[in-house]
N, C-alpha and C. Protein backbone atom coordinates (compact mmCIF):
# COMPACT_ATOMS: atom_id res chain seq x y z
N MET A 1 -83.74 182.62 18.85
CA MET A 1 -82.96 181.41 19.04
C MET A 1 -82.93 180.57 17.80
N PHE A 2 -81.70 180.16 17.43
CA PHE A 2 -81.50 179.52 16.23
C PHE A 2 -82.05 178.07 16.35
N GLY A 3 -82.54 177.61 15.10
CA GLY A 3 -82.96 176.11 15.04
C GLY A 3 -81.75 175.52 14.43
N VAL A 4 -81.49 174.24 14.74
CA VAL A 4 -80.32 173.53 14.24
C VAL A 4 -80.70 172.63 13.17
N PHE A 5 -80.07 172.74 11.96
CA PHE A 5 -80.39 171.86 10.77
C PHE A 5 -79.24 170.91 10.54
N GLU A 6 -79.55 169.70 9.99
CA GLU A 6 -78.60 168.98 9.50
C GLU A 6 -77.95 169.57 8.18
N LEU A 7 -76.84 169.10 7.73
CA LEU A 7 -76.22 169.81 6.57
C LEU A 7 -77.15 169.76 5.35
N GLU A 8 -77.71 168.72 5.04
CA GLU A 8 -78.49 168.64 3.84
C GLU A 8 -79.59 169.64 3.88
N THR A 9 -80.27 169.74 5.06
CA THR A 9 -81.40 170.70 5.31
C THR A 9 -80.89 172.20 5.00
N TRP A 10 -79.67 172.44 5.60
CA TRP A 10 -79.13 173.75 5.39
C TRP A 10 -78.90 174.14 3.93
N ARG A 11 -78.33 173.18 3.32
CA ARG A 11 -78.10 173.34 1.89
C ARG A 11 -79.27 173.75 1.08
N THR A 12 -80.40 173.04 1.33
CA THR A 12 -81.55 173.19 0.50
C THR A 12 -82.14 174.53 0.84
N ARG A 13 -82.34 174.73 2.25
CA ARG A 13 -83.04 175.97 2.62
C ARG A 13 -82.31 177.29 2.34
N LEU A 14 -80.97 177.18 2.53
CA LEU A 14 -80.17 178.42 2.39
C LEU A 14 -79.99 178.71 0.91
N PHE A 15 -79.80 177.84 0.07
CA PHE A 15 -79.44 178.21 -1.39
C PHE A 15 -80.45 177.64 -2.31
N GLY A 16 -81.41 176.96 -1.98
CA GLY A 16 -82.35 176.48 -3.06
C GLY A 16 -83.52 177.49 -3.21
N SER A 17 -84.54 176.95 -3.87
CA SER A 17 -85.64 177.97 -4.23
C SER A 17 -86.55 178.11 -3.03
N CYS A 18 -86.32 177.50 -2.00
CA CYS A 18 -87.21 177.73 -0.72
C CYS A 18 -86.62 178.86 0.12
N ILE A 19 -87.44 179.81 0.47
CA ILE A 19 -86.95 180.97 1.33
C ILE A 19 -87.36 180.67 2.72
N ILE A 20 -86.52 180.89 3.64
CA ILE A 20 -86.82 180.90 4.99
C ILE A 20 -86.36 182.00 5.80
N ILE A 21 -86.77 182.12 6.97
CA ILE A 21 -86.39 183.36 7.81
C ILE A 21 -84.97 183.07 8.14
N ALA A 22 -84.24 184.22 8.03
CA ALA A 22 -82.75 184.09 8.24
C ALA A 22 -82.41 183.68 9.57
N SER A 23 -83.09 183.98 10.57
CA SER A 23 -82.73 183.57 11.91
C SER A 23 -82.97 182.07 12.24
N MET A 24 -83.46 181.39 11.32
CA MET A 24 -83.68 179.98 11.35
C MET A 24 -82.31 179.10 11.09
N PHE A 25 -81.43 179.89 10.41
CA PHE A 25 -80.22 179.22 9.84
C PHE A 25 -79.11 179.10 10.86
N LYS A 26 -78.69 177.89 11.00
CA LYS A 26 -77.52 177.59 11.84
C LYS A 26 -76.83 176.24 11.37
N LEU A 27 -75.55 176.28 11.00
CA LEU A 27 -74.93 175.14 10.54
C LEU A 27 -73.65 174.78 11.51
N SER A 28 -73.65 173.78 12.16
CA SER A 28 -72.62 173.24 13.02
C SER A 28 -71.39 172.90 12.20
N LEU A 29 -70.21 173.41 12.76
CA LEU A 29 -68.89 173.11 12.21
C LEU A 29 -68.13 172.09 13.19
N GLY A 30 -68.87 171.57 14.13
CA GLY A 30 -68.42 170.67 15.19
C GLY A 30 -68.75 171.18 16.49
N PRO A 31 -68.30 170.60 17.63
CA PRO A 31 -68.84 170.98 18.91
C PRO A 31 -68.42 172.48 19.35
N ASP A 32 -67.51 173.06 18.70
CA ASP A 32 -67.10 174.34 19.22
C ASP A 32 -67.46 175.54 18.30
N ALA A 33 -68.05 175.31 17.05
CA ALA A 33 -68.20 176.39 16.15
C ALA A 33 -69.38 176.16 15.29
N HIS A 34 -69.96 177.27 14.62
CA HIS A 34 -70.97 177.13 13.74
C HIS A 34 -70.98 178.36 12.83
N LEU A 35 -71.76 178.15 11.64
CA LEU A 35 -72.04 179.32 10.85
C LEU A 35 -73.48 179.84 10.93
N ALA A 36 -73.67 181.03 10.78
CA ALA A 36 -75.09 181.49 10.97
C ALA A 36 -75.21 182.88 10.13
N HIS A 37 -76.41 183.14 9.67
CA HIS A 37 -76.64 184.42 8.99
C HIS A 37 -76.30 185.58 9.96
N ILE A 38 -75.77 186.61 9.45
CA ILE A 38 -75.50 187.93 10.07
C ILE A 38 -76.75 188.77 10.05
N GLU A 39 -77.39 189.00 11.18
CA GLU A 39 -78.70 189.75 11.22
C GLU A 39 -78.47 190.96 11.91
N PRO A 40 -79.42 191.90 11.73
CA PRO A 40 -79.32 193.33 12.34
C PRO A 40 -78.87 193.23 13.76
N TYR A 41 -79.44 192.40 14.54
CA TYR A 41 -79.21 192.38 15.94
C TYR A 41 -77.72 192.08 16.29
N HIS A 42 -76.97 191.53 15.31
CA HIS A 42 -75.57 191.13 15.51
C HIS A 42 -74.64 192.40 15.32
N ALA A 43 -75.31 193.52 14.94
CA ALA A 43 -74.34 194.69 14.64
C ALA A 43 -73.43 195.12 15.78
N PRO A 44 -73.91 195.27 16.96
CA PRO A 44 -72.88 195.60 18.08
C PRO A 44 -71.81 194.64 18.13
N GLU A 45 -72.09 193.43 18.07
CA GLU A 45 -71.03 192.30 18.29
C GLU A 45 -70.03 192.35 16.98
N LEU A 46 -70.55 192.42 15.84
CA LEU A 46 -69.66 192.58 14.70
C LEU A 46 -68.81 193.77 14.73
N HIS A 47 -69.49 194.91 15.10
CA HIS A 47 -68.76 196.22 15.11
C HIS A 47 -67.59 196.06 16.10
N ALA A 48 -67.91 195.51 17.35
CA ALA A 48 -66.95 195.49 18.34
C ALA A 48 -65.77 194.54 17.81
N LEU A 49 -66.13 193.37 17.11
CA LEU A 49 -65.11 192.60 16.71
C LEU A 49 -64.12 193.20 15.61
N ILE A 50 -64.73 194.01 14.73
CA ILE A 50 -63.90 194.76 13.81
C ILE A 50 -63.02 195.83 14.47
N LYS A 51 -63.56 196.47 15.54
CA LYS A 51 -62.81 197.58 16.12
C LYS A 51 -61.62 197.07 16.96
N THR A 52 -61.89 195.84 17.63
CA THR A 52 -60.85 195.36 18.42
C THR A 52 -59.73 194.56 17.60
N SER A 53 -60.16 194.27 16.33
CA SER A 53 -59.26 193.55 15.44
C SER A 53 -58.73 194.43 14.33
N TYR A 54 -58.90 195.77 14.49
CA TYR A 54 -58.72 196.67 13.30
C TYR A 54 -57.29 196.46 12.83
N ASN A 55 -56.23 196.66 13.54
CA ASN A 55 -54.80 196.55 13.06
C ASN A 55 -54.54 195.26 12.41
N HIS A 56 -55.08 194.19 13.12
CA HIS A 56 -54.97 192.73 12.63
C HIS A 56 -55.50 192.59 11.27
N LEU A 57 -56.80 193.05 11.05
CA LEU A 57 -57.43 192.94 9.83
C LEU A 57 -57.01 193.84 8.76
N ARG A 58 -56.63 194.94 9.10
CA ARG A 58 -56.42 196.03 8.07
C ARG A 58 -55.19 195.60 7.23
N GLU A 59 -54.28 194.84 7.77
CA GLU A 59 -53.09 194.47 6.98
C GLU A 59 -53.38 193.89 5.62
N TRP A 60 -54.41 193.09 5.51
CA TRP A 60 -54.75 192.40 4.24
C TRP A 60 -56.22 192.68 3.94
N SER A 61 -56.80 193.75 4.39
CA SER A 61 -58.25 194.01 4.09
C SER A 61 -58.44 195.40 3.50
N ASN A 62 -58.60 195.49 2.15
CA ASN A 62 -58.78 196.72 1.64
C ASN A 62 -60.10 197.43 1.85
N TRP A 63 -61.10 196.77 2.37
CA TRP A 63 -62.41 197.41 2.76
C TRP A 63 -62.26 198.11 4.06
N LEU A 64 -61.21 197.92 4.77
CA LEU A 64 -61.15 198.53 6.16
C LEU A 64 -60.16 199.60 6.11
N LYS A 65 -60.76 200.86 6.20
CA LYS A 65 -60.01 202.04 6.05
C LYS A 65 -60.12 203.06 7.18
N ASP A 66 -61.13 203.00 7.97
CA ASP A 66 -61.44 204.02 9.04
C ASP A 66 -61.39 203.43 10.41
N PRO A 67 -60.52 203.80 11.25
CA PRO A 67 -60.31 203.20 12.53
C PRO A 67 -61.38 203.76 13.51
N ASP A 68 -62.08 204.88 13.01
CA ASP A 68 -63.15 205.41 13.72
C ASP A 68 -64.53 205.13 13.16
N ARG A 69 -64.58 204.05 12.47
CA ARG A 69 -65.84 203.61 11.77
C ARG A 69 -66.94 203.66 12.85
N LEU A 70 -68.19 204.00 12.47
CA LEU A 70 -69.29 204.03 13.47
C LEU A 70 -70.08 202.77 13.36
N LEU A 71 -70.86 202.53 14.48
CA LEU A 71 -71.84 201.39 14.49
C LEU A 71 -72.83 201.51 13.42
N GLU A 72 -73.14 202.75 12.95
CA GLU A 72 -74.12 202.97 11.86
C GLU A 72 -73.54 202.27 10.56
N ASN A 73 -72.22 202.43 10.41
CA ASN A 73 -71.60 201.80 9.16
C ASN A 73 -71.71 200.32 9.16
N THR A 74 -71.67 199.70 10.31
CA THR A 74 -71.78 198.21 10.37
C THR A 74 -73.25 197.83 10.17
N GLU A 75 -74.27 198.66 10.77
CA GLU A 75 -75.62 198.47 10.49
C GLU A 75 -76.01 198.45 9.06
N GLU A 76 -75.54 199.48 8.27
CA GLU A 76 -75.77 199.67 7.01
C GLU A 76 -75.24 198.57 6.11
N TRP A 77 -74.03 198.00 6.50
CA TRP A 77 -73.47 196.85 5.75
C TRP A 77 -74.30 195.76 6.04
N ILE A 78 -74.71 195.35 7.18
CA ILE A 78 -75.50 194.25 7.40
C ILE A 78 -76.91 194.28 6.68
N ALA A 79 -77.40 195.43 6.58
CA ALA A 79 -78.75 195.61 5.93
C ALA A 79 -78.56 195.26 4.36
N LYS A 80 -77.47 195.70 3.81
CA LYS A 80 -77.02 195.40 2.35
C LYS A 80 -76.83 193.81 2.22
N ASN A 81 -76.13 193.40 3.18
CA ASN A 81 -75.78 191.83 3.09
C ASN A 81 -76.99 191.04 3.34
N CYS A 82 -77.89 191.38 4.09
CA CYS A 82 -79.09 190.58 4.33
C CYS A 82 -80.03 190.69 2.99
N ALA A 83 -79.98 191.79 2.37
CA ALA A 83 -80.80 191.93 1.15
C ALA A 83 -80.16 190.94 0.02
N ASN A 84 -78.93 190.61 0.18
CA ASN A 84 -78.28 189.73 -0.90
C ASN A 84 -78.66 188.27 -0.62
N TYR A 85 -79.03 187.88 0.55
CA TYR A 85 -79.42 186.50 0.78
C TYR A 85 -80.53 186.01 -0.18
N GLY A 86 -80.24 185.00 -0.92
CA GLY A 86 -81.27 184.48 -1.84
C GLY A 86 -81.40 185.35 -3.12
N SER A 87 -80.70 186.39 -3.35
CA SER A 87 -80.92 187.30 -4.41
C SER A 87 -80.06 186.94 -5.67
N GLY A 88 -79.19 186.05 -5.46
CA GLY A 88 -78.33 185.76 -6.59
C GLY A 88 -77.05 186.43 -6.61
N HIS A 89 -76.88 187.36 -5.63
CA HIS A 89 -75.61 188.18 -5.42
C HIS A 89 -74.82 187.45 -4.30
N GLY A 90 -73.51 187.86 -4.39
CA GLY A 90 -72.73 187.29 -3.19
C GLY A 90 -73.03 187.92 -1.89
N TYR A 91 -72.74 187.07 -0.90
CA TYR A 91 -73.08 187.52 0.50
C TYR A 91 -72.08 186.86 1.53
N GLU A 92 -72.20 187.41 2.71
CA GLU A 92 -71.36 186.85 3.84
C GLU A 92 -72.14 186.20 4.88
N ILE A 93 -71.54 185.30 5.63
CA ILE A 93 -72.14 184.49 6.69
C ILE A 93 -71.13 184.60 7.84
N GLY A 94 -71.78 184.66 9.05
CA GLY A 94 -70.94 184.76 10.23
C GLY A 94 -70.34 183.50 10.74
N ILE A 95 -69.24 183.50 11.22
CA ILE A 95 -68.58 182.44 11.84
C ILE A 95 -68.41 182.63 13.39
N TRP A 96 -69.05 181.71 14.11
CA TRP A 96 -69.06 181.71 15.60
C TRP A 96 -68.16 180.70 16.25
N HIS A 97 -67.38 181.06 17.22
CA HIS A 97 -66.68 180.17 18.10
C HIS A 97 -67.22 180.04 19.34
N GLY A 98 -67.94 179.00 19.73
CA GLY A 98 -68.74 179.07 21.00
C GLY A 98 -69.85 180.00 20.79
N ASP A 99 -69.96 181.02 21.77
CA ASP A 99 -71.04 181.87 21.64
C ASP A 99 -70.48 183.33 21.15
N ARG A 100 -69.25 183.27 20.62
CA ARG A 100 -68.61 184.60 20.13
C ARG A 100 -68.36 184.55 18.79
N MET A 101 -68.86 185.73 18.15
CA MET A 101 -68.55 185.88 16.71
C MET A 101 -67.16 185.95 16.43
N ALA A 102 -66.60 185.22 15.52
CA ALA A 102 -65.23 185.11 15.35
C ALA A 102 -64.81 185.72 13.97
N GLY A 103 -65.71 185.83 13.00
CA GLY A 103 -65.23 186.33 11.70
C GLY A 103 -66.44 186.09 10.69
N GLN A 104 -65.97 186.21 9.38
CA GLN A 104 -66.96 186.09 8.33
C GLN A 104 -66.45 185.23 7.21
N ILE A 105 -67.29 184.72 6.43
CA ILE A 105 -66.86 183.97 5.26
C ILE A 105 -68.03 184.08 4.21
N GLY A 106 -67.79 184.10 2.92
CA GLY A 106 -68.90 184.21 1.97
C GLY A 106 -68.52 184.05 0.57
N TYR A 107 -69.44 184.03 -0.40
CA TYR A 107 -69.34 184.09 -1.68
C TYR A 107 -69.27 185.33 -2.27
N ASN A 108 -68.15 185.76 -2.83
CA ASN A 108 -67.94 187.17 -3.24
C ASN A 108 -68.87 187.59 -4.50
N TYR A 109 -69.18 186.54 -5.24
CA TYR A 109 -70.10 186.80 -6.35
C TYR A 109 -70.47 185.45 -6.92
N PHE A 110 -71.49 185.53 -7.89
CA PHE A 110 -71.94 184.27 -8.54
C PHE A 110 -71.85 184.57 -10.07
N ASP A 111 -71.21 183.74 -10.76
CA ASP A 111 -71.23 183.90 -12.25
C ASP A 111 -71.97 182.60 -12.77
N ASN A 112 -73.35 182.88 -13.01
CA ASN A 112 -74.09 181.77 -13.50
C ASN A 112 -73.80 181.29 -14.83
N ASN A 113 -73.30 182.18 -15.72
CA ASN A 113 -73.04 181.77 -17.13
C ASN A 113 -71.85 180.78 -17.06
N ASP A 114 -70.79 181.08 -16.35
CA ASP A 114 -69.58 180.29 -16.35
C ASP A 114 -69.57 179.30 -15.09
N ARG A 115 -70.62 179.37 -14.33
CA ARG A 115 -70.81 178.52 -13.16
C ARG A 115 -69.60 178.60 -12.25
N ARG A 116 -69.23 179.80 -11.76
CA ARG A 116 -68.08 179.96 -10.95
C ARG A 116 -68.39 180.97 -9.86
N THR A 117 -67.65 180.87 -8.80
CA THR A 117 -67.75 181.82 -7.70
C THR A 117 -66.30 181.93 -7.07
N GLU A 118 -66.37 182.89 -6.01
CA GLU A 118 -65.01 183.04 -5.31
C GLU A 118 -65.45 183.21 -3.76
N ILE A 119 -64.59 182.49 -3.00
CA ILE A 119 -64.77 182.57 -1.56
C ILE A 119 -63.81 183.58 -0.92
N GLY A 120 -64.37 184.30 0.03
CA GLY A 120 -63.52 185.20 0.85
C GLY A 120 -63.81 185.02 2.34
N TYR A 121 -62.87 185.45 3.08
CA TYR A 121 -62.98 185.17 4.56
C TYR A 121 -62.08 185.95 5.42
N TRP A 122 -62.40 186.28 6.60
CA TRP A 122 -61.58 186.89 7.64
C TRP A 122 -61.87 186.38 9.06
N LEU A 123 -60.91 186.38 9.89
CA LEU A 123 -61.05 186.07 11.27
C LEU A 123 -60.62 187.18 12.14
N GLY A 124 -61.24 187.42 13.34
CA GLY A 124 -60.93 188.42 14.23
C GLY A 124 -59.62 188.09 15.01
N LYS A 125 -59.04 188.99 15.63
CA LYS A 125 -57.77 188.66 16.40
C LYS A 125 -58.06 187.76 17.46
N GLY A 126 -57.31 186.68 17.61
CA GLY A 126 -57.32 185.76 18.74
C GLY A 126 -58.10 184.47 18.32
N PHE A 127 -58.52 184.36 17.05
CA PHE A 127 -59.37 183.22 16.69
C PHE A 127 -58.61 182.31 15.63
N GLN A 128 -57.41 182.59 15.37
CA GLN A 128 -56.65 181.76 14.41
C GLN A 128 -56.18 180.43 15.16
N GLY A 129 -55.92 179.54 14.39
CA GLY A 129 -55.23 178.27 14.90
C GLY A 129 -56.42 177.30 15.39
N LYS A 130 -57.61 177.50 15.10
CA LYS A 130 -58.74 176.72 15.57
C LYS A 130 -59.44 175.83 14.50
N GLY A 131 -58.91 176.09 13.13
CA GLY A 131 -59.35 175.41 12.09
C GLY A 131 -60.80 176.01 11.59
N LEU A 132 -61.11 177.21 12.07
CA LEU A 132 -62.41 177.74 11.72
C LEU A 132 -62.53 178.10 10.22
N ILE A 133 -61.64 178.70 9.66
CA ILE A 133 -61.68 179.03 8.19
C ILE A 133 -61.65 177.75 7.37
N THR A 134 -60.84 176.80 7.61
CA THR A 134 -60.77 175.55 6.88
C THR A 134 -62.11 174.79 6.89
N ARG A 135 -62.77 174.69 8.11
CA ARG A 135 -63.98 173.93 8.10
C ARG A 135 -65.13 174.89 7.56
N SER A 136 -65.10 176.10 7.63
CA SER A 136 -66.12 176.99 6.97
C SER A 136 -65.95 176.97 5.56
N CYS A 137 -64.77 177.02 4.97
CA CYS A 137 -64.58 176.90 3.48
C CYS A 137 -65.09 175.60 3.05
N GLY A 138 -64.85 174.52 3.74
CA GLY A 138 -65.29 173.23 3.34
C GLY A 138 -66.84 173.12 3.22
N ALA A 139 -67.60 173.78 4.16
CA ALA A 139 -68.97 173.79 4.04
C ALA A 139 -69.43 174.48 2.84
N LEU A 140 -68.80 175.70 2.59
CA LEU A 140 -69.34 176.49 1.35
C LEU A 140 -68.89 175.84 0.02
N ILE A 141 -67.78 175.17 0.07
CA ILE A 141 -67.31 174.41 -1.25
C ILE A 141 -68.29 173.26 -1.43
N ASP A 142 -68.62 172.47 -0.29
CA ASP A 142 -69.56 171.38 -0.46
C ASP A 142 -70.77 171.88 -1.08
N ASN A 143 -71.36 172.94 -0.47
CA ASN A 143 -72.68 173.50 -1.00
C ASN A 143 -72.61 174.03 -2.37
N ALA A 144 -71.60 174.66 -2.70
CA ALA A 144 -71.42 175.24 -4.10
C ALA A 144 -71.50 174.04 -5.08
N PHE A 145 -70.77 173.07 -4.88
CA PHE A 145 -70.54 172.07 -5.88
C PHE A 145 -71.75 171.08 -5.87
N ASN A 146 -72.22 170.78 -4.78
CA ASN A 146 -73.36 169.86 -4.61
C ASN A 146 -74.68 170.36 -4.79
N ASN A 147 -74.98 171.55 -4.60
CA ASN A 147 -76.33 172.15 -4.63
C ASN A 147 -76.55 173.35 -5.53
N MET A 148 -75.38 173.96 -5.90
CA MET A 148 -75.66 175.26 -6.69
C MET A 148 -75.13 175.12 -8.17
N ASN A 149 -74.82 173.92 -8.58
CA ASN A 149 -74.27 173.72 -9.94
C ASN A 149 -73.14 174.53 -10.34
N ILE A 150 -72.32 174.82 -9.31
CA ILE A 150 -70.95 175.57 -9.58
C ILE A 150 -70.01 174.61 -9.99
N ASN A 151 -69.08 174.90 -10.92
CA ASN A 151 -68.07 174.09 -11.46
C ASN A 151 -66.76 174.59 -10.95
N ARG A 152 -66.54 175.90 -10.68
CA ARG A 152 -65.16 176.36 -10.40
C ARG A 152 -65.27 177.31 -9.17
N ILE A 153 -64.43 177.20 -8.22
CA ILE A 153 -64.29 178.05 -7.11
C ILE A 153 -62.91 178.55 -6.96
N GLU A 154 -62.84 179.94 -6.83
CA GLU A 154 -61.58 180.62 -6.66
C GLU A 154 -61.39 181.09 -5.31
N ILE A 155 -60.09 181.14 -4.82
CA ILE A 155 -59.70 181.89 -3.62
C ILE A 155 -58.49 182.75 -4.08
N ARG A 156 -58.50 184.01 -3.74
CA ARG A 156 -57.46 184.92 -4.09
C ARG A 156 -56.87 185.44 -2.86
N CYS A 157 -55.53 185.37 -2.73
CA CYS A 157 -54.86 185.93 -1.40
C CYS A 157 -53.60 186.68 -1.80
N GLY A 158 -53.34 187.66 -1.03
CA GLY A 158 -52.04 188.44 -1.12
C GLY A 158 -50.96 187.40 -1.19
N THR A 159 -50.00 187.48 -2.09
CA THR A 159 -48.87 186.54 -2.13
C THR A 159 -48.02 186.38 -0.89
N GLU A 160 -47.99 187.49 -0.14
CA GLU A 160 -47.28 187.46 1.22
C GLU A 160 -48.15 187.09 2.40
N ASN A 161 -49.52 186.94 2.12
CA ASN A 161 -50.46 186.52 3.23
C ASN A 161 -50.40 184.97 3.30
N LEU A 162 -49.34 184.55 3.97
CA LEU A 162 -49.11 183.04 4.11
C LEU A 162 -50.23 182.37 4.85
N LYS A 163 -50.69 182.91 5.82
CA LYS A 163 -51.85 182.28 6.66
C LYS A 163 -53.02 182.08 5.73
N SER A 164 -53.35 183.00 5.02
CA SER A 164 -54.54 182.96 4.03
C SER A 164 -54.36 182.01 2.95
N ARG A 165 -53.11 181.96 2.38
CA ARG A 165 -52.74 181.03 1.39
C ARG A 165 -52.82 179.63 1.86
N SER A 166 -52.53 179.33 3.09
CA SER A 166 -52.45 177.98 3.60
C SER A 166 -53.93 177.51 3.48
N ILE A 167 -55.03 178.18 3.46
CA ILE A 167 -56.28 177.56 3.46
C ILE A 167 -56.55 176.84 2.14
N PRO A 168 -56.53 177.53 1.06
CA PRO A 168 -56.74 176.83 -0.27
C PRO A 168 -55.80 175.66 -0.45
N GLU A 169 -54.50 175.77 -0.01
CA GLU A 169 -53.63 174.78 -0.17
C GLU A 169 -53.98 173.42 0.66
N LYS A 170 -54.52 173.55 1.89
CA LYS A 170 -54.95 172.44 2.64
C LYS A 170 -56.18 171.78 1.95
N LEU A 171 -57.05 172.64 1.27
CA LEU A 171 -58.23 172.08 0.77
C LEU A 171 -58.05 171.45 -0.59
N GLY A 172 -56.87 171.47 -1.07
CA GLY A 172 -56.61 170.82 -2.40
C GLY A 172 -56.76 171.75 -3.59
N PHE A 173 -56.82 173.04 -3.43
CA PHE A 173 -56.86 173.91 -4.56
C PHE A 173 -55.50 173.93 -5.19
N LYS A 174 -55.60 174.38 -6.63
CA LYS A 174 -54.27 174.42 -7.32
C LYS A 174 -53.96 175.91 -7.41
N LEU A 175 -52.72 176.21 -7.33
CA LEU A 175 -52.18 177.59 -7.61
C LEU A 175 -52.08 177.73 -9.06
N GLU A 176 -52.96 178.56 -9.69
CA GLU A 176 -52.87 178.80 -11.08
C GLU A 176 -52.02 179.85 -11.66
N GLY A 177 -51.70 180.79 -10.72
CA GLY A 177 -50.85 181.82 -11.17
C GLY A 177 -50.88 182.98 -10.24
N ILE A 178 -50.06 184.04 -10.58
CA ILE A 178 -50.11 185.22 -9.71
C ILE A 178 -50.62 186.44 -10.64
N ALA A 179 -51.57 187.06 -10.15
CA ALA A 179 -52.20 188.19 -10.78
C ALA A 179 -51.37 189.38 -10.33
N ARG A 180 -50.41 189.94 -11.04
CA ARG A 180 -49.59 190.98 -10.63
C ARG A 180 -50.32 192.28 -10.33
N GLU A 181 -49.93 193.09 -9.26
CA GLU A 181 -50.63 194.27 -8.90
C GLU A 181 -52.10 194.35 -9.27
N SER A 182 -52.68 193.29 -8.63
CA SER A 182 -54.16 192.97 -8.98
C SER A 182 -55.05 193.68 -7.90
N GLU A 183 -54.48 194.10 -6.79
CA GLU A 183 -55.38 194.79 -5.77
C GLU A 183 -54.62 195.93 -5.13
N TYR A 184 -55.30 197.06 -5.02
CA TYR A 184 -54.81 198.23 -4.43
C TYR A 184 -55.07 198.19 -2.82
N LEU A 185 -54.06 197.93 -2.15
CA LEU A 185 -54.24 197.76 -0.55
C LEU A 185 -53.74 199.05 0.13
N HIS A 186 -54.64 199.87 0.45
CA HIS A 186 -54.29 201.13 1.26
C HIS A 186 -53.51 202.03 0.45
N ASP A 187 -52.15 201.84 0.31
CA ASP A 187 -51.27 202.77 -0.39
C ASP A 187 -50.37 202.15 -1.32
N ARG A 188 -50.70 200.91 -1.78
CA ARG A 188 -49.86 200.18 -2.63
C ARG A 188 -50.58 199.18 -3.46
N PHE A 189 -50.09 198.77 -4.63
CA PHE A 189 -50.61 197.57 -5.27
C PHE A 189 -49.94 196.20 -4.74
N ILE A 190 -50.75 195.18 -4.70
CA ILE A 190 -50.18 194.00 -4.30
C ILE A 190 -50.56 192.90 -5.30
N ASP A 191 -49.71 191.73 -5.32
CA ASP A 191 -49.89 190.73 -6.12
C ASP A 191 -50.78 189.69 -5.41
N LEU A 192 -51.69 188.99 -6.20
CA LEU A 192 -52.48 188.06 -5.61
C LEU A 192 -52.18 186.61 -6.15
N ALA A 193 -52.13 185.70 -5.29
CA ALA A 193 -52.06 184.23 -5.77
C ALA A 193 -53.41 183.82 -5.96
N VAL A 194 -53.65 183.17 -7.11
CA VAL A 194 -54.99 182.86 -7.66
C VAL A 194 -54.96 181.20 -7.54
N TYR A 195 -55.86 180.81 -6.46
CA TYR A 195 -56.12 179.30 -6.31
C TYR A 195 -57.41 178.92 -6.97
N ALA A 196 -57.72 177.80 -7.38
CA ALA A 196 -58.93 177.28 -7.94
C ALA A 196 -59.10 175.82 -7.79
N ILE A 197 -60.35 175.44 -7.60
CA ILE A 197 -60.63 173.99 -7.49
C ILE A 197 -61.83 173.81 -8.40
N LEU A 198 -61.91 172.64 -9.13
CA LEU A 198 -63.12 172.30 -10.01
C LEU A 198 -64.02 171.27 -9.23
N ALA A 199 -65.29 171.17 -9.66
CA ALA A 199 -66.13 170.32 -8.98
C ALA A 199 -65.58 168.85 -9.02
N ALA A 200 -65.13 168.40 -10.14
CA ALA A 200 -64.53 167.02 -10.24
C ALA A 200 -63.44 166.84 -9.35
N GLU A 201 -62.59 167.79 -9.10
CA GLU A 201 -61.33 167.64 -8.31
C GLU A 201 -61.85 167.57 -6.86
N TRP A 202 -62.86 168.34 -6.51
CA TRP A 202 -63.31 168.25 -5.07
C TRP A 202 -63.93 166.88 -4.77
N SER A 203 -64.70 166.34 -5.78
CA SER A 203 -65.16 165.12 -5.56
C SER A 203 -64.20 164.07 -5.26
N ARG A 204 -63.12 164.06 -6.07
CA ARG A 204 -62.12 163.00 -5.87
C ARG A 204 -61.47 163.37 -4.47
N SER A 205 -61.05 164.62 -4.15
CA SER A 205 -60.34 164.88 -2.91
C SER A 205 -61.27 164.57 -1.68
N ASP A 206 -62.55 164.67 -1.89
CA ASP A 206 -63.45 164.51 -0.74
C ASP A 206 -64.00 163.19 -0.57
N SER A 207 -63.70 162.26 -1.45
CA SER A 207 -64.12 160.91 -1.41
C SER A 207 -63.44 159.95 -0.43
């Protein structure tokens, strides 16, 4: 059973020098949703979400290639992701709507020298239109700027992926340019819209 923490406690325990048991982490996004660590016992639920949302996710996900992926593949990914918690490497967190896993969000990497990171996310089929990604992004942005000494956060989206692009636009990110043929998606190169926000800009927009 998850313990419920206030936002300040979550920030300190998840990203600070203090190490806690992953199953203790839960952050409310409102009465209908929360973020939590993805743990080994979540494998069947995550695997089912990916399988049932395969066609929906694959359109813009270059990591999703095999419609017949096995539960063991999901278990292996979770083990690697758990090892990244608190390691200084990027990692993913689960998004829940009610008691159902809805998707994932995370920091793709951390560049400590340049104090920057990138946020990535996806939602399963049927969970769009509930504000889940916008709220989840807001929580990760708050944490990165207020507790991790990050100065710059990027979000990169396929130029034709209008739903994904709407997230950074809602949150006040600036479109800095188009990275041409920057990602190989299944059988073709696609252009990526590069959005970014700086710590000072988030402070102003969040005040």
